[in-house]
Amino acid sequence: MAENNEEPMDALRNELTNLRDQVETLVKSLGESGSAVSSDLIAKLANELEHYRKMATDKMHQMYEAGSAGVENMGEHVRKHPLACVAVAFGAGCVLSWLFRQSK
């Protein structure tokens, strides 16, 4: 699941890098040219920011849905095999207890 999320995150990083470059261009143009050029760049930047906001919201929803699906799958597994899950939880608790006692 981590590999599935890395590609969208890399794409988001690349787009944020492009946004940063555009902001730098805007700052340079404000110093060099008149308000007509800068207002066009500001409008373009506003559109880009809205695009990134929507993209980030979509990615957040996708990650939330993936997490919800994982929780549902785990719940279904527990419903099908309750005794095995209790035994695994008990065993994990015993191992953690033993490890914490060893560290003192």
PDB file of N, CA and C in Angstrom:
ATOM      1  N   MET A   1       0.816  -1.180   0.000  1.00  0.00           N
ATOM      2  CA  MET A   1       0.000   0.000   0.000  1.00  0.00           C
ATOM      3  C   MET A   1       0.864   1.250   0.000  1.00  0.00           C
ATOM      4  N   ALA A   2       2.058   1.160   0.632  1.00  0.00           N
ATOM      5  CA  ALA A   2       2.941   2.321   0.667  1.00  0.00           C
ATOM      6  C   ALA A   2       3.423   2.687  -0.727  1.00  0.00           C
ATOM      7  N   GLU A   3       3.666   1.679  -1.566  1.00  0.00           N
ATOM      8  CA  GLU A   3       4.127   1.957  -2.927  1.00  0.00           C
ATOM      9  C   GLU A   3       3.039   2.657  -3.729  1.00  0.00           C
ATOM     10  N   ASN A   4       1.782   2.326  -3.479  1.00  0.00           N
ATOM     11  CA  ASN A   4       0.680   2.950  -4.200  1.00  0.00           C
ATOM     12  C   ASN A   4       0.582   4.428  -3.863  1.00  0.00           C
ATOM     13  N   ASN A   5       0.908   4.805  -2.642  1.00  0.00           N
ATOM     14  CA  ASN A   5       0.807   6.195  -2.219  1.00  0.00           C
ATOM     15  C   ASN A   5       2.044   7.005  -2.573  1.00  0.00           C
ATOM     16  N   GLU A   6       3.181   6.337  -2.846  1.00  0.00           N
ATOM     17  CA  GLU A   6       4.407   7.066  -3.145  1.00  0.00           C
ATOM     18  C   GLU A   6       4.339   7.760  -4.497  1.00  0.00           C
ATOM     19  N   GLU A   7       3.737   7.126  -5.485  1.00  0.00           N
ATOM     20  CA  GLU A   7       3.655   7.742  -6.808  1.00  0.00           C
ATOM     21  C   GLU A   7       2.824   9.016  -6.778  1.00  0.00           C
ATOM     22  N   PRO A   8       1.617   9.015  -6.177  1.00  0.00           N
ATOM     23  CA  PRO A   8       0.866  10.276  -6.112  1.00  0.00           C
ATOM     24  C   PRO A   8       1.591  11.340  -5.281  1.00  0.00           C
ATOM     25  N   MET A   9       2.292  10.901  -4.234  1.00  0.00           N
ATOM     26  CA  MET A   9       3.010  11.869  -3.407  1.00  0.00           C
ATOM     27  C   MET A   9       4.175  12.472  -4.190  1.00  0.00           C
ATOM     28  N   ASP A  10       4.855  11.661  -4.999  1.00  0.00           N
ATOM     29  CA  ASP A  10       5.935  12.186  -5.835  1.00  0.00           C
ATOM     30  C   ASP A  10       5.381  13.170  -6.853  1.00  0.00           C
ATOM     31  N   ALA A  11       4.244  12.846  -7.430  1.00  0.00           N
ATOM     32  CA  ALA A  11       3.624  13.761  -8.394  1.00  0.00           C
ATOM     33  C   ALA A  11       3.242  15.065  -7.708  1.00  0.00           C
ATOM     34  N   LEU A  12       2.718  14.964  -6.487  1.00  0.00           N
ATOM     35  CA  LEU A  12       2.358  16.167  -5.735  1.00  0.00           C
ATOM     36  C   LEU A  12       3.597  16.995  -5.414  1.00  0.00           C
ATOM     37  N   ARG A  13       4.688  16.332  -5.040  1.00  0.00           N
ATOM     38  CA  ARG A  13       5.933  17.066  -4.762  1.00  0.00           C
ATOM     39  C   ARG A  13       6.417  17.797  -6.006  1.00  0.00           C
ATOM     40  N   ASN A  14       6.364  17.120  -7.150  1.00  0.00           N
ATOM     41  CA  ASN A  14       6.802  17.753  -8.402  1.00  0.00           C
ATOM     42  C   ASN A  14       5.941  18.953  -8.739  1.00  0.00           C
ATOM     43  N   GLU A  15       4.654  18.821  -8.552  1.00  0.00           N
ATOM     44  CA  GLU A  15       3.770  19.942  -8.860  1.00  0.00           C
ATOM     45  C   GLU A  15       3.983  21.096  -7.883  1.00  0.00           C
ATOM     46  N   LEU A  16       4.253  20.779  -6.620  1.00  0.00           N
ATOM     47  CA  LEU A  16       4.545  21.842  -5.653  1.00  0.00           C
ATOM     48  C   LEU A  16       5.869  22.541  -5.983  1.00  0.00           C
ATOM     49  N   THR A  17       6.828  21.793  -6.501  1.00  0.00           N
ATOM     50  CA  THR A  17       8.082  22.389  -6.943  1.00  0.00           C
ATOM     51  C   THR A  17       7.824  23.340  -8.107  1.00  0.00           C
ATOM     52  N   ASN A  18       6.981  22.912  -9.038  1.00  0.00           N
ATOM     53  CA  ASN A  18       6.614  23.793 -10.155  1.00  0.00           C
ATOM     54  C   ASN A  18       5.916  25.044  -9.655  1.00  0.00           C
ATOM     55  N   LEU A  19       5.058  24.879  -8.653  1.00  0.00           N
ATOM     56  CA  LEU A  19       4.367  26.035  -8.075  1.00  0.00           C
ATOM     57  C   LEU A  19       5.361  27.004  -7.445  1.00  0.00           C
ATOM     58  N   ARG A  20       6.343  26.469  -6.737  1.00  0.00           N
ATOM     59  CA  ARG A  20       7.358  27.319  -6.120  1.00  0.00           C
ATOM     60  C   ARG A  20       8.122  28.098  -7.198  1.00  0.00           C
ATOM     61  N   ASP A  21       8.458  27.430  -8.295  1.00  0.00           N
ATOM     62  CA  ASP A  21       9.150  28.105  -9.397  1.00  0.00           C
ATOM     63  C   ASP A  21       8.287  29.217  -9.984  1.00  0.00           C
ATOM     64  N   GLN A  22       6.995  28.951 -10.095  1.00  0.00           N
ATOM     65  CA  GLN A  22       6.102  29.973 -10.621  1.00  0.00           C
ATOM     66  C   GLN A  22       6.004  31.175  -9.674  1.00  0.00           C
ATOM     67  N   VAL A  23       6.016  30.912  -8.379  1.00  0.00           N
ATOM     68  CA  VAL A  23       5.985  32.007  -7.404  1.00  0.00           C
ATOM     69  C   VAL A  23       7.258  32.843  -7.522  1.00  0.00           C
ATOM     70  N   GLU A  24       8.399  32.171  -7.696  1.00  0.00           N
ATOM     71  CA  GLU A  24       9.648  32.903  -7.871  1.00  0.00           C
ATOM     72  C   GLU A  24       9.597  33.763  -9.130  1.00  0.00           C
ATOM     73  N   THR A  25       9.043  33.220 -10.194  1.00  0.00           N
ATOM     74  CA  THR A  25       8.886  33.984 -11.436  1.00  0.00           C
ATOM     75  C   THR A  25       7.985  35.185 -11.210  1.00  0.00           C
ATOM     76  N   LEU A  26       6.929  34.995 -10.448  1.00  0.00           N
ATOM     77  CA  LEU A  26       6.011  36.098 -10.135  1.00  0.00           C
ATOM     78  C   LEU A  26       6.728  37.200  -9.373  1.00  0.00           C
ATOM     79  N   VAL A  27       7.502  36.824  -8.390  1.00  0.00           N
ATOM     80  CA  VAL A  27       8.228  37.820  -7.599  1.00  0.00           C
ATOM     81  C   VAL A  27       9.216  38.593  -8.473  1.00  0.00           C
ATOM     82  N   LYS A  28       9.915  37.886  -9.340  1.00  0.00           N
ATOM     83  CA  LYS A  28      10.857  38.553 -10.240  1.00  0.00           C
ATOM     84  C   LYS A  28      10.133  39.499 -11.192  1.00  0.00           C
ATOM     85  N   SER A  29       8.988  39.037 -11.701  1.00  0.00           N
ATOM     86  CA  SER A  29       8.260  39.877 -12.662  1.00  0.00           C
ATOM     87  C   SER A  29       7.667  41.114 -11.990  1.00  0.00           C
ATOM     88  N   LEU A  30       7.313  40.997 -10.724  1.00  0.00           N
ATOM     89  CA  LEU A  30       6.794  42.166 -10.015  1.00  0.00           C
ATOM     90  C   LEU A  30       7.860  43.249  -9.906  1.00  0.00           C
ATOM     91  N   GLY A  31       9.071  42.818  -9.726  1.00  0.00           N
ATOM     92  CA  GLY A  31      10.154  43.792  -9.632  1.00  0.00           C
ATOM     93  C   GLY A  31      10.548  44.367 -10.982  1.00  0.00           C
ATOM     94  N   GLU A  32      10.353  43.612 -12.053  1.00  0.00           N
ATOM     95  CA  GLU A  32      10.845  44.024 -13.357  1.00  0.00           C
ATOM     96  C   GLU A  32       9.783  44.671 -14.250  1.00  0.00           C
ATOM     97  N   SER A  33       8.546  44.245 -14.126  1.00  0.00           N
ATOM     98  CA  SER A  33       7.546  44.734 -15.078  1.00  0.00           C
ATOM     99  C   SER A  33       6.377  45.398 -14.377  1.00  0.00           C
ATOM    100  N   GLY A  34       5.442  45.825 -15.174  1.00  0.00           N
ATOM    101  CA  GLY A  34       4.288  46.556 -14.673  1.00  0.00           C
ATOM    102  C   GLY A  34       3.224  45.653 -14.078  1.00  0.00           C
ATOM    103  N   SER A  35       2.149  46.267 -13.670  1.00  0.00           N
ATOM    104  CA  SER A  35       1.088  45.543 -12.983  1.00  0.00           C
ATOM    105  C   SER A  35       0.272  44.666 -13.922  1.00  0.00           C
ATOM    106  N   ALA A  36       0.258  44.938 -15.219  1.00  0.00           N
ATOM    107  CA  ALA A  36      -0.519  44.120 -16.152  1.00  0.00           C
ATOM    108  C   ALA A  36       0.028  42.696 -16.214  1.00  0.00           C
ATOM    109  N   VAL A  37       1.327  42.584 -16.322  1.00  0.00           N
ATOM    110  CA  VAL A  37       1.946  41.259 -16.386  1.00  0.00           C
ATOM    111  C   VAL A  37       1.788  40.545 -15.055  1.00  0.00           C
ATOM    112  N   SER A  38       1.979  41.263 -13.975  1.00  0.00           N
ATOM    113  CA  SER A  38       1.885  40.628 -12.666  1.00  0.00           C
ATOM    114  C   SER A  38       0.458  40.195 -12.354  1.00  0.00           C
ATOM    115  N   SER A  39      -0.560  40.948 -12.811  1.00  0.00           N
ATOM    116  CA  SER A  39      -1.934  40.523 -12.559  1.00  0.00           C
ATOM    117  C   SER A  39      -2.255  39.246 -13.327  1.00  0.00           C
ATOM    118  N   ASP A  40      -1.697  39.084 -14.531  1.00  0.00           N
ATOM    119  CA  ASP A  40      -1.880  37.833 -15.275  1.00  0.00           C
ATOM    120  C   ASP A  40      -1.228  36.665 -14.538  1.00  0.00           C
ATOM    121  N   LEU A  41      -0.032  36.906 -14.030  1.00  0.00           N
ATOM    122  CA  LEU A  41       0.658  35.848 -13.290  1.00  0.00           C
ATOM    123  C   LEU A  41      -0.066  35.529 -11.988  1.00  0.00           C
ATOM    124  N   ILE A  42      -0.619  36.532 -11.344  1.00  0.00           N
ATOM    125  CA  ILE A  42      -1.367  36.303 -10.108  1.00  0.00           C
ATOM    126  C   ILE A  42      -2.603  35.455 -10.397  1.00  0.00           C
ATOM    127  N   ALA A  43      -3.296  35.750 -11.494  1.00  0.00           N
ATOM    128  CA  ALA A  43      -4.462  34.949 -11.867  1.00  0.00           C
ATOM    129  C   ALA A  43      -4.058  33.512 -12.167  1.00  0.00           C
ATOM    130  N   LYS A  44      -2.951  33.347 -12.878  1.00  0.00           N
ATOM    131  CA  LYS A  44      -2.461  31.997 -13.193  1.00  0.00           C
ATOM    132  C   LYS A  44      -2.079  31.267 -11.910  1.00  0.00           C
ATOM    133  N   LEU A  45      -1.418  31.963 -11.006  1.00  0.00           N
ATOM    134  CA  LEU A  45      -1.017  31.372  -9.738  1.00  0.00           C
ATOM    135  C   LEU A  45      -2.236  30.980  -8.908  1.00  0.00           C
ATOM    136  N   ALA A  46      -3.270  31.807  -8.910  1.00  0.00           N
ATOM    137  CA  ALA A  46      -4.491  31.487  -8.169  1.00  0.00           C
ATOM    138  C   ALA A  46      -5.129  30.216  -8.723  1.00  0.00           C
ATOM    139  N   ASN A  47      -5.135  30.094 -10.052  1.00  0.00           N
ATOM    140  CA  ASN A  47      -5.677  28.879 -10.666  1.00  0.00           C
ATOM    141  C   ASN A  47      -4.853  27.657 -10.288  1.00  0.00           C
ATOM    142  N   GLU A  48      -3.533  27.801 -10.289  1.00  0.00           N
ATOM    143  CA  GLU A  48      -2.653  26.692  -9.917  1.00  0.00           C
ATOM    144  C   GLU A  48      -2.874  26.290  -8.459  1.00  0.00           C
ATOM    145  N   LEU A  49      -3.003  27.276  -7.585  1.00  0.00           N
ATOM    146  CA  LEU A  49      -3.231  26.977  -6.175  1.00  0.00           C
ATOM    147  C   LEU A  49      -4.542  26.223  -5.982  1.00  0.00           C
ATOM    148  N   GLU A  50      -5.566  26.617  -6.683  1.00  0.00           N
ATOM    149  CA  GLU A  50      -6.847  25.926  -6.594  1.00  0.00           C
ATOM    150  C   GLU A  50      -6.705  24.482  -7.092  1.00  0.00           C
ATOM    151  N   HIS A  51      -5.964  24.315  -8.172  1.00  0.00           N
ATOM    152  CA  HIS A  51      -5.721  22.966  -8.706  1.00  0.00           C
ATOM    153  C   HIS A  51      -5.010  22.092  -7.669  1.00  0.00           C
ATOM    154  N   TYR A  52      -3.983  22.619  -7.011  1.00  0.00           N
ATOM    155  CA  TYR A  52      -3.232  21.857  -6.018  1.00  0.00           C
ATOM    156  C   TYR A  52      -4.085  21.559  -4.791  1.00  0.00           C
ATOM    157  N   ARG A  53      -4.948  22.506  -4.416  1.00  0.00           N
ATOM    158  CA  ARG A  53      -5.829  22.286  -3.278  1.00  0.00           C
ATOM    159  C   ARG A  53      -6.779  21.124  -3.576  1.00  0.00           C
ATOM    160  N   LYS A  54      -7.352  21.125  -4.776  1.00  0.00           N
ATOM    161  CA  LYS A  54      -8.251  20.042  -5.164  1.00  0.00           C
ATOM    162  C   LYS A  54      -7.501  18.712  -5.228  1.00  0.00           C
ATOM    163  N   MET A  55      -6.287  18.738  -5.758  1.00  0.00           N
ATOM    164  CA  MET A  55      -5.495  17.520  -5.873  1.00  0.00           C
ATOM    165  C   MET A  55      -5.157  16.965  -4.486  1.00  0.00           C
ATOM    166  N   ALA A  56      -4.773  17.834  -3.562  1.00  0.00           N
ATOM    167  CA  ALA A  56      -4.450  17.398  -2.205  1.00  0.00           C
ATOM    168  C   ALA A  56      -5.694  16.837  -1.515  1.00  0.00           C
ATOM    169  N   THR A  57      -6.838  17.466  -1.734  1.00  0.00           N
ATOM    170  CA  THR A  57      -8.083  16.972  -1.149  1.00  0.00           C
ATOM    171  C   THR A  57      -8.428  15.594  -1.707  1.00  0.00           C
ATOM    172  N   ASP A  58      -8.266  15.419  -3.008  1.00  0.00           N
ATOM    173  CA  ASP A  58      -8.535  14.118  -3.624  1.00  0.00           C
ATOM    174  C   ASP A  58      -7.611  13.041  -3.059  1.00  0.00           C
ATOM    175  N   LYS A  59      -6.329  13.347  -2.921  1.00  0.00           N
ATOM    176  CA  LYS A  59      -5.371  12.379  -2.372  1.00  0.00           C
ATOM    177  C   LYS A  59      -5.725  12.025  -0.938  1.00  0.00           C
ATOM    178  N   MET A  60      -6.161  13.032  -0.159  1.00  0.00           N
ATOM    179  CA  MET A  60      -6.539  12.786   1.224  1.00  0.00           C
ATOM    180  C   MET A  60      -7.742  11.842   1.278  1.00  0.00           C
ATOM    181  N   HIS A  61      -8.716  12.054   0.401  1.00  0.00           N
ATOM    182  CA  HIS A  61      -9.888  11.183   0.370  1.00  0.00           C
ATOM    183  C   HIS A  61      -9.503   9.764  -0.051  1.00  0.00           C
ATOM    184  N   GLN A  62      -8.607   9.647  -1.015  1.00  0.00           N
ATOM    185  CA  GLN A  62      -8.165   8.321  -1.445  1.00  0.00           C
ATOM    186  C   GLN A  62      -7.469   7.577  -0.308  1.00  0.00           C
ATOM    187  N   MET A  63      -6.621   8.280   0.428  1.00  0.00           N
ATOM    188  CA  MET A  63      -5.913   7.649   1.533  1.00  0.00           C
ATOM    189  C   MET A  63      -6.891   7.265   2.647  1.00  0.00           C
ATOM    190  N   TYR A  64      -7.887   8.116   2.906  1.00  0.00           N
ATOM    191  CA  TYR A  64      -8.897   7.820   3.915  1.00  0.00           C
ATOM    192  C   TYR A  64      -9.690   6.577   3.517  1.00  0.00           C
ATOM    193  N   GLU A  65     -10.080   6.500   2.250  1.00  0.00           N
ATOM    194  CA  GLU A  65     -10.830   5.338   1.773  1.00  0.00           C
ATOM    195  C   GLU A  65     -10.003   4.061   1.857  1.00  0.00           C
ATOM    196  N   ALA A  66      -8.722   4.157   1.535  1.00  0.00           N
ATOM    197  CA  ALA A  66      -7.844   2.983   1.638  1.00  0.00           C
ATOM    198  C   ALA A  66      -7.733   2.531   3.093  1.00  0.00           C
ATOM    199  N   GLY A  67      -7.601   3.476   4.009  1.00  0.00           N
ATOM    200  CA  GLY A  67      -7.538   3.140   5.432  1.00  0.00           C
ATOM    201  C   GLY A  67      -8.834   2.528   5.924  1.00  0.00           C
ATOM    202  N   SER A  68      -9.958   3.081   5.479  1.00  0.00           N
ATOM    203  CA  SER A  68     -11.259   2.538   5.871  1.00  0.00           C
ATOM    204  C   SER A  68     -11.437   1.117   5.355  1.00  0.00           C
ATOM    205  N   ALA A  69     -10.996   0.872   4.133  1.00  0.00           N
ATOM    206  CA  ALA A  69     -11.095  -0.476   3.568  1.00  0.00           C
ATOM    207  C   ALA A  69     -10.251  -1.459   4.377  1.00  0.00           C
ATOM    208  N   GLY A  70      -9.074  -1.021   4.810  1.00  0.00           N
ATOM    209  CA  GLY A  70      -8.215  -1.879   5.628  1.00  0.00           C
ATOM    210  C   GLY A  70      -8.860  -2.209   6.963  1.00  0.00           C
ATOM    211  N   VAL A  71      -9.501  -1.217   7.579  1.00  0.00           N
ATOM    212  CA  VAL A  71     -10.178  -1.447   8.852  1.00  0.00           C
ATOM    213  C   VAL A  71     -11.348  -2.409   8.651  1.00  0.00           C
ATOM    214  N   GLU A  72     -12.094  -2.231   7.572  1.00  0.00           N
ATOM    215  CA  GLU A  72     -13.214  -3.134   7.291  1.00  0.00           C
ATOM    216  C   GLU A  72     -12.714  -4.561   7.061  1.00  0.00           C
ATOM    217  N   ASN A  73     -11.604  -4.707   6.336  1.00  0.00           N
ATOM    218  CA  ASN A  73     -11.050  -6.044   6.102  1.00  0.00           C
ATOM    219  C   ASN A  73     -10.619  -6.694   7.410  1.00  0.00           C
ATOM    220  N   MET A  74     -10.002  -5.907   8.281  1.00  0.00           N
ATOM    221  CA  MET A  74      -9.568  -6.438   9.571  1.00  0.00           C
ATOM    222  C   MET A  74     -10.779  -6.840  10.412  1.00  0.00           C
ATOM    223  N   GLY A  75     -11.812  -6.020  10.402  1.00  0.00           N
ATOM    224  CA  GLY A  75     -13.025  -6.349  11.147  1.00  0.00           C
ATOM    225  C   GLY A  75     -13.671  -7.628  10.643  1.00  0.00           C
ATOM    226  N   GLU A  76     -13.687  -7.798   9.342  1.00  0.00           N
ATOM    227  CA  GLU A  76     -14.248  -9.020   8.754  1.00  0.00           C
ATOM    228  C   GLU A  76     -13.417 -10.237   9.162  1.00  0.00           C
ATOM    229  N   HIS A  77     -12.108 -10.084   9.171  1.00  0.00           N
ATOM    230  CA  HIS A  77     -11.226 -11.189   9.572  1.00  0.00           C
ATOM    231  C   HIS A  77     -11.477 -11.558  11.037  1.00  0.00           C
ATOM    232  N   VAL A  78     -11.648 -10.559  11.893  1.00  0.00           N
ATOM    233  CA  VAL A  78     -11.900 -10.816  13.310  1.00  0.00           C
ATOM    234  C   VAL A  78     -13.251 -11.514  13.479  1.00  0.00           C
ATOM    235  N   ARG A  79     -14.258 -11.104  12.691  1.00  0.00           N
ATOM    236  CA  ARG A  79     -15.566 -11.766  12.774  1.00  0.00           C
ATOM    237  C   ARG A  79     -15.492 -13.234  12.335  1.00  0.00           C
ATOM    238  N   LYS A  80     -14.662 -13.515  11.352  1.00  0.00           N
ATOM    239  CA  LYS A  80     -14.550 -14.892  10.863  1.00  0.00           C
ATOM    240  C   LYS A  80     -13.724 -15.772  11.795  1.00  0.00           C
ATOM    241  N   HIS A  81     -12.698 -15.209  12.433  1.00  0.00           N
ATOM    242  CA  HIS A  81     -11.771 -15.988  13.267  1.00  0.00           C
ATOM    243  C   HIS A  81     -11.558 -15.301  14.616  1.00  0.00           C
ATOM    244  N   PRO A  82     -12.589 -15.232  15.465  1.00  0.00           N
ATOM    245  CA  PRO A  82     -12.434 -14.487  16.721  1.00  0.00           C
ATOM    246  C   PRO A  82     -11.431 -15.122  17.692  1.00  0.00           C
ATOM    247  N   LEU A  83     -11.442 -16.437  17.821  1.00  0.00           N
ATOM    248  CA  LEU A  83     -10.536 -17.085  18.776  1.00  0.00           C
ATOM    249  C   LEU A  83      -9.083 -16.944  18.345  1.00  0.00           C
ATOM    250  N   ALA A  84      -8.826 -17.073  17.068  1.00  0.00           N
ATOM    251  CA  ALA A  84      -7.459 -16.923  16.580  1.00  0.00           C
ATOM    252  C   ALA A  84      -6.963 -15.502  16.828  1.00  0.00           C
ATOM    253  N   CYS A  85      -7.820 -14.523  16.622  1.00  0.00           N
ATOM    254  CA  CYS A  85      -7.416 -13.132  16.844  1.00  0.00           C
ATOM    255  C   CYS A  85      -7.129 -12.861  18.311  1.00  0.00           C
ATOM    256  N   VAL A  86      -7.951 -13.430  19.199  1.00  0.00           N
ATOM    257  CA  VAL A  86      -7.712 -13.272  20.643  1.00  0.00           C
ATOM    258  C   VAL A  86      -6.383 -13.925  21.004  1.00  0.00           C
ATOM    259  N   ALA A  87      -6.116 -15.114  20.454  1.00  0.00           N
ATOM    260  CA  ALA A  87      -4.857 -15.814  20.747  1.00  0.00           C
ATOM    261  C   ALA A  87      -3.660 -15.000  20.248  1.00  0.00           C
ATOM    262  N   VAL A  88      -3.758 -14.416  19.060  1.00  0.00           N
ATOM    263  CA  VAL A  88      -2.661 -13.605  18.519  1.00  0.00           C
ATOM    264  C   VAL A  88      -2.448 -12.365  19.386  1.00  0.00           C
ATOM    265  N   ALA A  89      -3.529 -11.712  19.798  1.00  0.00           N
ATOM    266  CA  ALA A  89      -3.413 -10.521  20.642  1.00  0.00           C
ATOM    267  C   ALA A  89      -2.778 -10.883  21.988  1.00  0.00           C
ATOM    268  N   PHE A  90      -3.192 -12.016  22.568  1.00  0.00           N
ATOM    269  CA  PHE A  90      -2.622 -12.461  23.837  1.00  0.00           C
ATOM    270  C   PHE A  90      -1.130 -12.743  23.675  1.00  0.00           C
ATOM    271  N   GLY A  91      -0.772 -13.454  22.602  1.00  0.00           N
ATOM    272  CA  GLY A  91       0.642 -13.759  22.357  1.00  0.00           C
ATOM    273  C   GLY A  91       1.467 -12.499  22.163  1.00  0.00           C
ATOM    274  N   ALA A  92       0.933 -11.541  21.416  1.00  0.00           N
ATOM    275  CA  ALA A  92       1.664 -10.286  21.210  1.00  0.00           C
ATOM    276  C   ALA A  92       1.836  -9.543  22.530  1.00  0.00           C
ATOM    277  N   GLY A  93       0.820  -9.567  23.369  1.00  0.00           N
ATOM    278  CA  GLY A  93       0.922  -8.927  24.680  1.00  0.00           C
ATOM    279  C   GLY A  93       1.973  -9.579  25.549  1.00  0.00           C
ATOM    280  N   CYS A  94       2.027 -10.917  25.497  1.00  0.00           N
ATOM    281  CA  CYS A  94       3.046 -11.633  26.278  1.00  0.00           C
ATOM    282  C   CYS A  94       4.448 -11.289  25.801  1.00  0.00           C
ATOM    283  N   VAL A  95       4.640 -11.248  24.492  1.00  0.00           N
ATOM    284  CA  VAL A  95       5.959 -10.922  23.933  1.00  0.00           C
ATOM    285  C   VAL A  95       6.357  -9.507  24.309  1.00  0.00           C
ATOM    286  N   LEU A  96       5.443  -8.550  24.178  1.00  0.00           N
ATOM    287  CA  LEU A  96       5.759  -7.161  24.541  1.00  0.00           C
ATOM    288  C   LEU A  96       6.062  -7.041  26.025  1.00  0.00           C
ATOM    289  N   SER A  97       5.285  -7.736  26.858  1.00  0.00           N
ATOM    290  CA  SER A  97       5.532  -7.714  28.293  1.00  0.00           C
ATOM    291  C   SER A  97       6.924  -8.253  28.606  1.00  0.00           C
ATOM    292  N   TRP A  98       7.282  -9.347  27.975  1.00  0.00           N
ATOM    293  CA  TRP A  98       8.599  -9.942  28.192  1.00  0.00           C
ATOM    294  C   TRP A  98       9.707  -8.989  27.745  1.00  0.00           C
ATOM    295  N   LEU A  99       9.517  -8.337  26.588  1.00  0.00           N
ATOM    296  CA  LEU A  99      10.528  -7.401  26.086  1.00  0.00           C
ATOM    297  C   LEU A  99      10.693  -6.207  27.025  1.00  0.00           C
ATOM    298  N   PHE A 100       9.591  -5.693  27.550  1.00  0.00           N
ATOM    299  CA  PHE A 100       9.688  -4.549  28.453  1.00  0.00           C
ATOM    300  C   PHE A 100      10.338  -4.940  29.777  1.00  0.00           C
ATOM    301  N   ARG A 101      10.084  -6.167  30.245  1.00  0.00           N
ATOM    302  CA  ARG A 101      10.736  -6.628  31.474  1.00  0.00           C
ATOM    303  C   ARG A 101      12.242  -6.792  31.265  1.00  0.00           C
ATOM    304  N   GLN A 102      12.647  -7.189  30.059  1.00  0.00           N
ATOM    305  CA  GLN A 102      14.066  -7.392  29.765  1.00  0.00           C
ATOM    306  C   GLN A 102      14.809  -6.071  29.679  1.00  0.00           C
ATOM    307  N   SER A 103      14.123  -4.999  29.290  1.00  0.00           N
ATOM    308  CA  SER A 103      14.809  -3.721  29.109  1.00  0.00           C
ATOM    309  C   SER A 103      15.075  -3.004  30.425  1.00  0.00           C
ATOM    310  N   LYS A 104      14.455  -3.430  31.522  1.00  0.00           N
ATOM    311  CA  LYS A 104      14.659  -2.752  32.817  1.00  0.00           C
ATOM    312  C   LYS A 104      15.914  -3.161  33.480  1.00  0.00           C
TER     313      LYS A 104
END
